[in-house]
Amino acid sequence: GDAADETDFNFLKTFSPLELASKGNRPNFLIIAGRSDTRVNPAHSMKLYAALKDNVKINSGYTRLAAVRYYGHWGNKETYQDLIAWRINVLMWAAIYEQFGW
């Protein structure tokens, strides 16, 4: 759709994560954003995180944001990819452990 067209914009809002963040219960979120991502602006992940945290009274669930330095859309520097993949796995499992206490 075209967000400049009002009809399309209203349709797009029906499944926008930012719009849905304030409605009802939601699942747990672990948002991983690359600070060097040139395809998807990291601000999008930060806006989603803020929207989810702002509605914590409405929504139940676990929400964490990991903004990883030197990480692009798929890891922008080959020399960092292994280190970044390891760090992402640590963050992911730490979040799971924190949520479920295993």
Protein backbone atom coordinates (compact mmCIF):
# COMPACT_ATOMS: atom_id res chain seq x y z
CA GLY A 1 0.00 0.00 0.00
CA ASP A 2 0.84 3.65 -0.23
CA ALA A 3 0.93 5.39 3.15
CA ALA A 4 0.31 8.71 1.38
CA ASP A 5 -3.13 7.43 0.28
CA GLU A 6 -5.61 7.76 3.18
CA THR A 7 -7.45 4.51 2.39
CA ASP A 8 -4.22 2.56 2.16
CA PHE A 9 -2.88 4.24 5.29
CA ASN A 10 -5.95 3.22 7.31
CA PHE A 11 -5.56 -0.36 6.04
CA LEU A 12 -1.83 -0.44 6.87
CA LYS A 13 -2.54 0.77 10.41
CA THR A 14 -4.67 -2.34 11.07
CA PHE A 15 -1.53 -4.51 11.23
CA SER A 16 1.10 -1.94 12.18
CA PRO A 17 3.18 -3.20 15.13
CA LEU A 18 3.25 0.32 16.56
CA GLU A 19 -0.55 0.57 16.44
CA LEU A 20 -1.06 -2.93 17.84
CA ALA A 21 1.35 -2.35 20.75
CA SER A 22 -1.38 -0.50 22.65
CA LYS A 23 -4.14 -3.05 22.10
CA GLY A 24 -4.72 -6.03 24.35
CA ASN A 25 -2.28 -8.68 25.44
CA ARG A 26 0.84 -9.37 23.45
CA PRO A 27 3.51 -12.03 23.25
CA ASN A 28 6.99 -11.64 24.69
CA PHE A 29 9.45 -9.63 22.58
CA LEU A 30 13.21 -9.78 22.15
CA ILE A 31 13.99 -7.06 19.62
CA ILE A 32 17.47 -7.20 18.09
CA ALA A 33 18.56 -4.17 16.08
CA GLY A 34 21.81 -3.50 14.27
CA ARG A 35 23.04 0.02 14.94
CA SER A 36 24.79 0.02 11.54
CA ASP A 37 21.82 -1.31 9.57
CA THR A 38 21.47 0.64 6.32
CA ARG A 39 18.33 -1.19 5.17
CA VAL A 40 16.12 -0.81 8.21
CA ASN A 41 16.64 2.26 10.33
CA PRO A 42 17.39 1.14 13.92
CA ALA A 43 14.97 3.84 15.07
CA HIS A 44 12.11 1.59 13.91
CA SER A 45 13.10 -1.06 16.46
CA MET A 46 13.55 1.58 19.14
CA LYS A 47 10.09 3.06 18.41
CA LEU A 48 8.51 -0.41 18.67
CA TYR A 49 10.33 -1.04 21.94
CA ALA A 50 9.18 2.31 23.34
CA ALA A 51 5.58 1.67 22.27
CA LEU A 52 5.59 -1.74 23.94
CA LYS A 53 7.14 -0.39 27.14
CA ASP A 54 4.75 2.59 27.23
CA ASN A 55 1.81 0.20 27.26
CA VAL A 56 3.15 -2.16 29.90
CA LYS A 57 0.07 -1.56 32.09
CA ILE A 58 -2.20 -2.68 29.27
CA ASN A 59 -0.02 -5.45 27.94
CA SER A 60 1.51 -8.29 29.83
CA GLY A 61 4.74 -9.73 28.60
CA TYR A 62 8.48 -9.52 28.52
CA THR A 63 10.15 -6.94 26.29
CA ARG A 64 13.87 -6.39 25.71
CA LEU A 65 15.82 -4.45 23.10
CA ALA A 66 19.36 -5.33 22.08
CA ALA A 67 20.95 -2.66 19.86
CA VAL A 68 24.19 -4.23 18.64
CA ARG A 69 27.17 -2.08 17.61
CA TYR A 70 28.80 -2.74 14.24
CA TYR A 71 25.86 -4.90 13.17
CA GLY A 72 24.10 -4.22 9.91
CA HIS A 73 21.13 -5.95 8.32
CA TRP A 74 22.95 -9.29 8.16
CA GLY A 75 26.19 -8.30 9.81
CA ASN A 76 27.97 -5.68 7.78
CA LYS A 77 31.58 -6.61 8.47
CA GLU A 78 32.77 -10.13 7.92
CA THR A 79 35.32 -9.92 10.71
CA TYR A 80 32.59 -9.15 13.24
CA GLN A 81 30.01 -11.72 12.12
CA ASP A 82 31.13 -14.58 14.39
CA LEU A 83 31.47 -12.30 17.40
CA ILE A 84 28.10 -10.69 16.74
CA ALA A 85 26.39 -14.06 16.21
CA TRP A 86 27.81 -15.25 19.52
CA ARG A 87 26.66 -12.07 21.28
CA ILE A 88 23.16 -12.36 19.81
CA ASN A 89 22.92 -15.96 21.03
CA VAL A 90 24.02 -14.90 24.51
CA LEU A 91 21.44 -12.11 24.57
CA MET A 92 18.71 -14.41 23.29
CA TRP A 93 19.38 -17.16 25.84
CA ALA A 94 19.82 -14.65 28.67
CA ALA A 95 16.40 -13.21 27.81
CA ILE A 96 14.84 -16.67 27.74
CA TYR A 97 16.45 -17.56 31.06
CA GLU A 98 15.34 -14.26 32.62
CA GLN A 99 11.75 -14.82 31.45
CA PHE A 100 11.40 -18.49 32.36
CA GLY A 101 14.07 -18.93 35.02
CA TRP A 102 15.43 -22.18 33.63
